Amino acid sequence: MSEITNTTSPLTVDARAISFLDRLRARVVFGKYDDYVDARNAGVTHAEAVEAHRTGISLWDYTDARTSGATHAEVLEAYGNGIDVEPYAVARREFGASHEEALLGHASGFDVINYAHALEVGASHAEVLEIEANGIHVGAYALARESRRAPSHTEVLEVHAKGIDVGEYAWLLSIASHEEVLDAYAKGVDLEIYRNARRYDDEWGSLSHEEALEVCLKGLDWPEYASLRGDYGRSHNEAIASLVSADRGDLEED
């Protein structure tokens, strides 16, 4: 539009700059006038808001993308390339993706949010391509890489190759090391029960790797074990002994 003189300009327009004429025009053009006011408050010009709207972009999403660092031209280009502006804005705001990275991720067939997340935690484009080629969900991969134990790209590939779900692995990394997860899996342990055993409990803390393995490998009922620890104040060894001996009925009489 002729009113747009610089499509790469930053957001600078103050809300008080909305002229009376612009307000009248906006009430005719926009179905949600409040979204127009929010856009103008954020620094979007009237001409930019109108062009985004006429292009088919939600003004709410457009404003989100602009306040996340995108220029007017970048938002239009992203939309023109088939990228949903809402996740585009999230990728820019939450994961620091550049416009070019968002375009590349989309062109490569990735969800732009998951792709941006993977890049933020240190993955290269080639690594993300390899993850996709191996059938690993890129979002789960990113969650694993950003965990406090920060596994390498090779370690994530390793657990996947062994048959461990990468999403489950990402969750386990908050309570166990890479080596402990592999050890538990190699011993045939149910990783969901192992995860519950390692998770911190306000009543009695958390189990060590060895204690969690003992509970799992002995085939003990996890809710029963947790009840003995939390409700009856039993130590780990006492709870194990009680369950192994199947003397649970005596506890009810204590």
C-alpha atoms as a PDB file:
ATOM      1  CA  MET A   1       0.000   0.000   0.000  1.00  0.00           C
ATOM      2  CA  SER A   2       1.199   3.505  -0.716  1.00  0.00           C
ATOM      3  CA  GLU A   3       0.899   4.426   2.977  1.00  0.00           C
ATOM      4  CA  ILE A   4       3.648   1.954   3.920  1.00  0.00           C
ATOM      5  CA  THR A   5       6.920   3.707   3.250  1.00  0.00           C
ATOM      6  CA  ASN A   6       9.280   1.293   5.033  1.00  0.00           C
ATOM      7  CA  THR A   7       8.264  -2.332   5.587  1.00  0.00           C
ATOM      8  CA  THR A   8      11.340  -3.015   7.746  1.00  0.00           C
ATOM      9  CA  SER A   9      10.731  -0.180  10.203  1.00  0.00           C
ATOM     10  CA  PRO A  10      10.547  -1.016  13.925  1.00  0.00           C
ATOM     11  CA  LEU A  11       7.467  -0.550  16.051  1.00  0.00           C
ATOM     12  CA  THR A  12       7.386   3.101  17.039  1.00  0.00           C
ATOM     13  CA  VAL A  13       3.852   4.419  16.803  1.00  0.00           C
ATOM     14  CA  ASP A  14       2.328   5.437  20.140  1.00  0.00           C
ATOM     15  CA  ALA A  15      -1.321   4.616  20.843  1.00  0.00           C
ATOM     16  CA  ARG A  16      -2.073   8.331  21.017  1.00  0.00           C
ATOM     17  CA  ALA A  17      -1.072   8.609  17.352  1.00  0.00           C
ATOM     18  CA  ILE A  18      -4.300   6.905  16.238  1.00  0.00           C
ATOM     19  CA  SER A  19      -6.099   9.616  14.359  1.00  0.00           C
ATOM     20  CA  PHE A  20      -9.846  10.093  14.351  1.00  0.00           C
ATOM     21  CA  LEU A  21      -9.913   9.158  10.655  1.00  0.00           C
ATOM     22  CA  ASP A  22      -7.956   5.956  11.329  1.00  0.00           C
ATOM     23  CA  ARG A  23     -10.431   5.008  14.041  1.00  0.00           C
ATOM     24  CA  LEU A  24     -13.342   5.464  11.643  1.00  0.00           C
ATOM     25  CA  ARG A  25     -11.593   3.447   8.927  1.00  0.00           C
ATOM     26  CA  ALA A  26     -10.723   0.673  11.388  1.00  0.00           C
ATOM     27  CA  ARG A  27     -14.317   0.248  12.547  1.00  0.00           C
ATOM     28  CA  VAL A  28     -15.294  -0.360   8.936  1.00  0.00           C
ATOM     29  CA  VAL A  29     -12.394  -2.677   8.010  1.00  0.00           C
ATOM     30  CA  PHE A  30     -11.848  -4.772  11.136  1.00  0.00           C
ATOM     31  CA  GLY A  31     -14.281  -7.163  12.700  1.00  0.00           C
ATOM     32  CA  LYS A  32     -12.438  -6.962  16.037  1.00  0.00           C
ATOM     33  CA  TYR A  33     -11.751  -3.311  16.668  1.00  0.00           C
ATOM     34  CA  ASP A  34     -10.017  -4.114  19.976  1.00  0.00           C
ATOM     35  CA  ASP A  35      -7.378  -6.112  18.073  1.00  0.00           C
ATOM     36  CA  TYR A  36      -6.733  -3.040  15.925  1.00  0.00           C
ATOM     37  CA  VAL A  37      -6.284  -0.862  18.994  1.00  0.00           C
ATOM     38  CA  ASP A  38      -3.947  -3.436  20.539  1.00  0.00           C
ATOM     39  CA  ALA A  39      -1.929  -3.505  17.312  1.00  0.00           C
ATOM     40  CA  ARG A  40      -1.644   0.261  17.264  1.00  0.00           C
ATOM     41  CA  ASN A  41      -0.729   0.311  20.951  1.00  0.00           C
ATOM     42  CA  ALA A  42       2.084  -2.100  20.096  1.00  0.00           C
ATOM     43  CA  GLY A  43       3.391   0.246  17.418  1.00  0.00           C
ATOM     44  CA  VAL A  44       1.789  -1.090  14.235  1.00  0.00           C
ATOM     45  CA  THR A  45       0.788   1.583  11.744  1.00  0.00           C
ATOM     46  CA  HIS A  46      -2.724   1.821  10.324  1.00  0.00           C
ATOM     47  CA  ALA A  47      -1.478   0.906   6.841  1.00  0.00           C
ATOM     48  CA  GLU A  48       0.379  -2.163   8.150  1.00  0.00           C
ATOM     49  CA  ALA A  49      -2.669  -3.361  10.077  1.00  0.00           C
ATOM     50  CA  VAL A  50      -4.908  -2.980   7.020  1.00  0.00           C
ATOM     51  CA  GLU A  51      -2.492  -4.800   4.711  1.00  0.00           C
ATOM     52  CA  ALA A  52      -2.021  -7.665   7.152  1.00  0.00           C
ATOM     53  CA  HIS A  53      -5.787  -7.982   7.535  1.00  0.00           C
ATOM     54  CA  ARG A  54      -6.438  -7.902   3.795  1.00  0.00           C
ATOM     55  CA  THR A  55      -3.697 -10.491   3.261  1.00  0.00           C
ATOM     56  CA  GLY A  56      -5.671 -12.838   5.488  1.00  0.00           C
ATOM     57  CA  ILE A  57      -3.516 -12.680   8.611  1.00  0.00           C
ATOM     58  CA  SER A  58      -5.176 -12.541  12.000  1.00  0.00           C
ATOM     59  CA  LEU A  59      -4.360  -9.117  13.385  1.00  0.00           C
ATOM     60  CA  TRP A  60      -3.821 -10.647  16.819  1.00  0.00           C
ATOM     61  CA  ASP A  61      -1.219 -13.073  15.426  1.00  0.00           C
ATOM     62  CA  TYR A  62       0.307 -10.349  13.272  1.00  0.00           C
ATOM     63  CA  THR A  63       0.809  -8.111  16.299  1.00  0.00           C
ATOM     64  CA  ASP A  64       2.268 -11.017  18.249  1.00  0.00           C
ATOM     65  CA  ALA A  65       4.781 -11.665  15.467  1.00  0.00           C
ATOM     66  CA  ARG A  66       5.718  -7.988  15.222  1.00  0.00           C
ATOM     67  CA  THR A  67       6.257  -7.645  18.968  1.00  0.00           C
ATOM     68  CA  SER A  68       8.347 -10.838  18.806  1.00  0.00           C
ATOM     69  CA  GLY A  69      10.858  -9.103  16.555  1.00  0.00           C
ATOM     70  CA  ALA A  70       9.530  -9.612  13.040  1.00  0.00           C
ATOM     71  CA  THR A  71       9.215  -6.785  10.569  1.00  0.00           C
ATOM     72  CA  HIS A  72       6.092  -6.151   8.511  1.00  0.00           C
ATOM     73  CA  ALA A  73       7.773  -7.597   5.420  1.00  0.00           C
ATOM     74  CA  GLU A  74       8.920 -10.706   7.296  1.00  0.00           C
ATOM     75  CA  VAL A  75       5.432 -11.498   8.594  1.00  0.00           C
ATOM     76  CA  LEU A  76       3.983 -11.159   5.107  1.00  0.00           C
ATOM     77  CA  GLU A  77       6.739 -13.348   3.649  1.00  0.00           C
ATOM     78  CA  ALA A  78       6.281 -16.035   6.286  1.00  0.00           C
ATOM     79  CA  TYR A  79       2.542 -16.095   5.663  1.00  0.00           C
ATOM     80  CA  GLY A  80       3.098 -16.096   1.913  1.00  0.00           C
ATOM     81  CA  ASN A  81       5.301 -19.167   2.287  1.00  0.00           C
ATOM     82  CA  GLY A  82       2.520 -21.057   4.050  1.00  0.00           C
ATOM     83  CA  ILE A  83       3.670 -20.577   7.634  1.00  0.00           C
ATOM     84  CA  ASP A  84       0.945 -20.098  10.227  1.00  0.00           C
ATOM     85  CA  VAL A  85       1.749 -16.738  11.808  1.00  0.00           C
ATOM     86  CA  GLU A  86       0.862 -17.853  15.343  1.00  0.00           C
ATOM     87  CA  PRO A  87       3.591 -20.557  15.619  1.00  0.00           C
ATOM     88  CA  TYR A  88       5.921 -18.297  13.649  1.00  0.00           C
ATOM     89  CA  ALA A  89       5.536 -15.697  16.399  1.00  0.00           C
ATOM     90  CA  VAL A  90       6.137 -18.311  19.101  1.00  0.00           C
ATOM     91  CA  ALA A  91       9.305 -19.510  17.351  1.00  0.00           C
ATOM     92  CA  ARG A  92      10.596 -15.938  17.170  1.00  0.00           C
ATOM     93  CA  ARG A  93       9.601 -14.959  20.722  1.00  0.00           C
ATOM     94  CA  GLU A  94      10.101 -18.102  22.799  1.00  0.00           C
ATOM     95  CA  PHE A  95      13.065 -19.682  21.042  1.00  0.00           C
ATOM     96  CA  GLY A  96      14.837 -16.746  19.446  1.00  0.00           C
ATOM     97  CA  ALA A  97      14.523 -18.008  15.889  1.00  0.00           C
ATOM     98  CA  SER A  98      15.497 -15.642  13.116  1.00  0.00           C
ATOM     99  CA  HIS A  99      13.195 -15.084  10.160  1.00  0.00           C
ATOM    100  CA  GLU A 100      15.537 -17.105   7.956  1.00  0.00           C
ATOM    101  CA  GLU A 101      15.589 -20.020  10.410  1.00  0.00           C
ATOM    102  CA  ALA A 102      11.801 -20.114  10.525  1.00  0.00           C
ATOM    103  CA  LEU A 103      11.649 -20.157   6.722  1.00  0.00           C
ATOM    104  CA  LEU A 104      14.272 -22.906   6.507  1.00  0.00           C
ATOM    105  CA  GLY A 105      12.568 -25.060   9.108  1.00  0.00           C
ATOM    106  CA  HIS A 106       9.218 -24.770   7.361  1.00  0.00           C
ATOM    107  CA  ALA A 107      10.734 -25.415   3.931  1.00  0.00           C
ATOM    108  CA  SER A 108      12.363 -28.566   5.351  1.00  0.00           C
ATOM    109  CA  GLY A 109       8.994 -29.854   6.511  1.00  0.00           C
ATOM    110  CA  PHE A 110       9.336 -29.143  10.241  1.00  0.00           C
ATOM    111  CA  ASP A 111       6.934 -27.581  12.671  1.00  0.00           C
ATOM    112  CA  VAL A 112       8.543 -24.169  13.086  1.00  0.00           C
ATOM    113  CA  ILE A 113       8.195 -24.180  16.877  1.00  0.00           C
ATOM    114  CA  ASN A 114       9.853 -27.582  17.311  1.00  0.00           C
ATOM    115  CA  TYR A 115      12.555 -26.657  14.812  1.00  0.00           C
ATOM    116  CA  ALA A 116      13.305 -23.374  16.561  1.00  0.00           C
ATOM    117  CA  HIS A 117      13.332 -25.151  19.931  1.00  0.00           C
ATOM    118  CA  ALA A 118      15.861 -27.683  18.653  1.00  0.00           C
ATOM    119  CA  LEU A 119      18.130 -24.946  17.334  1.00  0.00           C
ATOM    120  CA  GLU A 120      17.912 -23.043  20.598  1.00  0.00           C
ATOM    121  CA  VAL A 121      19.182 -26.035  22.604  1.00  0.00           C
ATOM    122  CA  GLY A 122      22.210 -26.399  20.353  1.00  0.00           C
ATOM    123  CA  ALA A 123      21.191 -28.620  17.459  1.00  0.00           C
ATOM    124  CA  SER A 124      22.373 -27.851  13.958  1.00  0.00           C
ATOM    125  CA  HIS A 125      20.138 -28.008  10.895  1.00  0.00           C
ATOM    126  CA  ALA A 126      21.902 -31.221   9.848  1.00  0.00           C
ATOM    127  CA  GLU A 127      21.240 -32.785  13.245  1.00  0.00           C
ATOM    128  CA  VAL A 128      17.550 -31.931  13.100  1.00  0.00           C
ATOM    129  CA  LEU A 129      17.384 -33.518   9.648  1.00  0.00           C
ATOM    130  CA  GLU A 130      19.054 -36.653  11.049  1.00  0.00           C
ATOM    131  CA  ILE A 131      16.588 -36.781  13.941  1.00  0.00           C
ATOM    132  CA  GLU A 132      13.673 -36.587  11.522  1.00  0.00           C
ATOM    133  CA  ALA A 133      15.221 -39.254   9.295  1.00  0.00           C
ATOM    134  CA  ASN A 134      15.464 -41.590  12.295  1.00  0.00           C
ATOM    135  CA  GLY A 135      11.786 -41.177  13.103  1.00  0.00           C
ATOM    136  CA  ILE A 136      12.333 -39.183  16.295  1.00  0.00           C
ATOM    137  CA  HIS A 137       9.860 -36.437  17.143  1.00  0.00           C
ATOM    138  CA  VAL A 138      11.770 -33.166  16.929  1.00  0.00           C
ATOM    139  CA  GLY A 139       9.853 -31.675  19.871  1.00  0.00           C
ATOM    140  CA  ALA A 140      10.778 -34.614  22.121  1.00  0.00           C
ATOM    141  CA  TYR A 141      14.389 -34.354  20.935  1.00  0.00           C
ATOM    142  CA  ALA A 142      14.488 -30.672  21.880  1.00  0.00           C
ATOM    143  CA  LEU A 143      13.037 -31.397  25.322  1.00  0.00           C
ATOM    144  CA  ALA A 144      15.705 -34.026  25.913  1.00  0.00           C
ATOM    145  CA  ARG A 145      18.531 -31.750  24.784  1.00  0.00           C
ATOM    146  CA  GLU A 146      17.370 -28.882  27.016  1.00  0.00           C
ATOM    147  CA  SER A 147      17.141 -31.004  30.185  1.00  0.00           C
ATOM    148  CA  ARG A 148      19.526 -30.149  33.011  1.00  0.00           C
ATOM    149  CA  ARG A 149      21.628 -33.201  32.125  1.00  0.00           C
ATOM    150  CA  ALA A 150      21.914 -31.954  28.527  1.00  0.00           C
ATOM    151  CA  PRO A 151      22.537 -35.172  26.563  1.00  0.00           C
ATOM    152  CA  SER A 152      24.435 -34.904  23.312  1.00  0.00           C
ATOM    153  CA  HIS A 153      22.924 -35.473  19.886  1.00  0.00           C
ATOM    154  CA  THR A 154      24.659 -38.853  19.770  1.00  0.00           C
ATOM    155  CA  GLU A 155      23.222 -39.894  23.139  1.00  0.00           C
ATOM    156  CA  VAL A 156      19.684 -39.140  22.020  1.00  0.00           C
ATOM    157  CA  LEU A 157      20.236 -41.225  18.893  1.00  0.00           C
ATOM    158  CA  GLU A 158      21.633 -43.989  21.109  1.00  0.00           C
ATOM    159  CA  VAL A 159      18.568 -44.260  23.336  1.00  0.00           C
ATOM    160  CA  HIS A 160      16.273 -44.214  20.313  1.00  0.00           C
ATOM    161  CA  ALA A 161      18.287 -46.977  18.655  1.00  0.00           C
ATOM    162  CA  LYS A 162      17.871 -49.108  21.776  1.00  0.00           C
ATOM    163  CA  GLY A 163      14.098 -48.723  21.611  1.00  0.00           C
ATOM    164  CA  ILE A 164      13.575 -46.098  24.310  1.00  0.00           C
ATOM    165  CA  ASP A 165      10.926 -43.501  23.557  1.00  0.00           C
ATOM    166  CA  VAL A 166      12.721 -40.140  23.377  1.00  0.00           C
ATOM    167  CA  GLY A 167       9.790 -38.347  25.000  1.00  0.00           C
ATOM    168  CA  GLU A 168       9.974 -40.713  27.978  1.00  0.00           C
ATOM    169  CA  TYR A 169      13.748 -40.314  28.013  1.00  0.00           C
ATOM    170  CA  ALA A 170      13.389 -36.529  28.152  1.00  0.00           C
ATOM    171  CA  TRP A 171      11.147 -36.846  31.210  1.00  0.00           C
ATOM    172  CA  LEU A 172      13.493 -39.321  32.909  1.00  0.00           C
ATOM    173  CA  LEU A 173      16.461 -36.989  32.523  1.00  0.00           C
ATOM    174  CA  SER A 174      14.986 -34.724  35.195  1.00  0.00           C
ATOM    175  CA  ILE A 175      15.576 -37.486  37.769  1.00  0.00           C
ATOM    176  CA  ALA A 176      18.134 -39.887  36.283  1.00  0.00           C
ATOM    177  CA  SER A 177      21.335 -39.751  34.271  1.00  0.00           C
ATOM    178  CA  HIS A 178      21.729 -40.988  30.705  1.00  0.00           C
ATOM    179  CA  GLU A 179      23.684 -44.001  31.972  1.00  0.00           C
ATOM    180  CA  GLU A 180      21.055 -44.826  34.610  1.00  0.00           C
ATOM    181  CA  VAL A 181      18.250 -44.761  32.036  1.00  0.00           C
ATOM    182  CA  LEU A 182      20.200 -47.135  29.780  1.00  0.00           C
ATOM    183  CA  ASP A 183      20.988 -49.411  32.725  1.00  0.00           C
ATOM    184  CA  ALA A 184      17.358 -49.586  33.821  1.00  0.00           C
ATOM    185  CA  TYR A 185      16.200 -50.307  30.277  1.00  0.00           C
ATOM    186  CA  ALA A 186      18.893 -52.962  29.757  1.00  0.00           C
ATOM    187  CA  LYS A 187      17.687 -54.750  32.891  1.00  0.00           C
ATOM    188  CA  GLY A 188      14.161 -54.924  31.500  1.00  0.00           C
ATOM    189  CA  VAL A 189      12.716 -52.454  33.979  1.00  0.00           C
ATOM    190  CA  ASP A 190       9.362 -50.815  33.294  1.00  0.00           C
ATOM    191  CA  LEU A 191      10.511 -47.220  32.810  1.00  0.00           C
ATOM    192  CA  GLU A 192       7.202 -45.783  33.981  1.00  0.00           C
ATOM    193  CA  ILE A 193       7.500 -47.562  37.341  1.00  0.00           C
ATOM    194  CA  TYR A 194      11.189 -46.630  37.484  1.00  0.00           C
ATOM    195  CA  ARG A 195      10.264 -43.001  36.831  1.00  0.00           C
ATOM    196  CA  ASN A 196       7.692 -43.049  39.637  1.00  0.00           C
ATOM    197  CA  ALA A 197      10.239 -44.583  41.983  1.00  0.00           C
ATOM    198  CA  ARG A 198      12.871 -41.947  41.233  1.00  0.00           C
ATOM    199  CA  ARG A 199      10.469 -39.019  41.443  1.00  0.00           C
ATOM    200  CA  TYR A 200      10.742 -36.993  44.634  1.00  0.00           C
ATOM    201  CA  ASP A 201       8.046 -37.506  47.281  1.00  0.00           C
ATOM    202  CA  ASP A 202       7.398 -34.941  50.006  1.00  0.00           C
ATOM    203  CA  GLU A 203       6.987 -37.685  52.609  1.00  0.00           C
ATOM    204  CA  TRP A 204      10.130 -39.705  52.082  1.00  0.00           C
ATOM    205  CA  GLY A 205      12.236 -38.061  49.418  1.00  0.00           C
ATOM    206  CA  SER A 206      13.342 -39.996  46.363  1.00  0.00           C
ATOM    207  CA  LEU A 207      14.938 -43.351  45.670  1.00  0.00           C
ATOM    208  CA  SER A 208      18.446 -43.879  44.399  1.00  0.00           C
ATOM    209  CA  HIS A 209      18.996 -45.665  41.114  1.00  0.00           C
ATOM    210  CA  GLU A 210      19.797 -48.888  42.959  1.00  0.00           C
ATOM    211  CA  GLU A 211      16.725 -48.660  45.217  1.00  0.00           C
ATOM    212  CA  ALA A 212      14.428 -47.988  42.274  1.00  0.00           C
ATOM    213  CA  LEU A 213      15.895 -50.954  40.408  1.00  0.00           C
ATOM    214  CA  GLU A 214      15.293 -53.164  43.440  1.00  0.00           C
ATOM    215  CA  VAL A 215      11.624 -52.218  43.585  1.00  0.00           C
ATOM    216  CA  CYS A 216      11.212 -52.804  39.861  1.00  0.00           C
ATOM    217  CA  LEU A 217      13.245 -56.006  39.529  1.00  0.00           C
ATOM    218  CA  LYS A 218      11.516 -57.672  42.485  1.00  0.00           C
ATOM    219  CA  GLY A 219       8.203 -57.017  40.773  1.00  0.00           C
ATOM    220  CA  LEU A 220       6.816 -55.182  43.785  1.00  0.00           C
ATOM    221  CA  ASP A 221       3.586 -53.249  43.619  1.00  0.00           C
ATOM    222  CA  TRP A 222       4.565 -49.601  43.415  1.00  0.00           C
ATOM    223  CA  PRO A 223       1.419 -48.123  45.079  1.00  0.00           C
ATOM    224  CA  GLU A 224       1.856 -50.602  47.956  1.00  0.00           C
ATOM    225  CA  TYR A 225       5.509 -49.667  48.314  1.00  0.00           C
ATOM    226  CA  ALA A 226       4.691 -45.953  48.257  1.00  0.00           C
ATOM    227  CA  SER A 227       1.986 -46.494  50.878  1.00  0.00           C
ATOM    228  CA  LEU A 228       4.390 -48.308  53.179  1.00  0.00           C
ATOM    229  CA  ARG A 229       6.895 -45.471  52.862  1.00  0.00           C
ATOM    230  CA  GLY A 230       4.468 -42.566  53.118  1.00  0.00           C
ATOM    231  CA  ASP A 231       1.569 -43.847  55.232  1.00  0.00           C
ATOM    232  CA  TYR A 232       3.420 -46.245  57.517  1.00  0.00           C
ATOM    233  CA  GLY A 233       6.786 -44.518  57.729  1.00  0.00           C
ATOM    234  CA  ARG A 234       8.729 -47.610  56.700  1.00  0.00           C
ATOM    235  CA  SER A 235      12.296 -47.339  55.448  1.00  0.00           C
ATOM    236  CA  HIS A 236      13.188 -48.659  52.019  1.00  0.00           C
ATOM    237  CA  ASN A 237      14.523 -51.934  53.419  1.00  0.00           C
ATOM    238  CA  GLU A 238      11.517 -52.368  55.705  1.00  0.00           C
ATOM    239  CA  ALA A 239       9.075 -51.780  52.866  1.00  0.00           C
ATOM    240  CA  ILE A 240      10.927 -54.242  50.652  1.00  0.00           C
ATOM    241  CA  ALA A 241      10.961 -56.881  53.391  1.00  0.00           C
ATOM    242  CA  SER A 242       7.258 -56.429  54.108  1.00  0.00           C
ATOM    243  CA  LEU A 243       6.236 -56.750  50.473  1.00  0.00           C
ATOM    244  CA  VAL A 244       8.518 -59.665  49.758  1.00  0.00           C
ATOM    245  CA  SER A 245       7.161 -61.586  52.727  1.00  0.00           C
ATOM    246  CA  ALA A 246       3.618 -60.643  51.689  1.00  0.00           C
ATOM    247  CA  ASP A 247       2.921 -59.799  55.337  1.00  0.00           C
ATOM    248  CA  ARG A 248       0.884 -56.743  54.380  1.00  0.00           C
ATOM    249  CA  GLY A 249      -2.081 -57.725  56.594  1.00  0.00           C
ATOM    250  CA  ASP A 250      -0.061 -57.374  59.792  1.00  0.00           C
ATOM    251  CA  LEU A 251       0.600 -53.759  58.961  1.00  0.00           C
ATOM    252  CA  GLU A 252      -3.080 -52.943  59.070  1.00  0.00           C
ATOM    253  CA  GLU A 253      -3.079 -54.005  62.720  1.00  0.00           C
ATOM    254  CA  ASP A 254      -0.068 -51.846  63.730  1.00  0.00           C
END
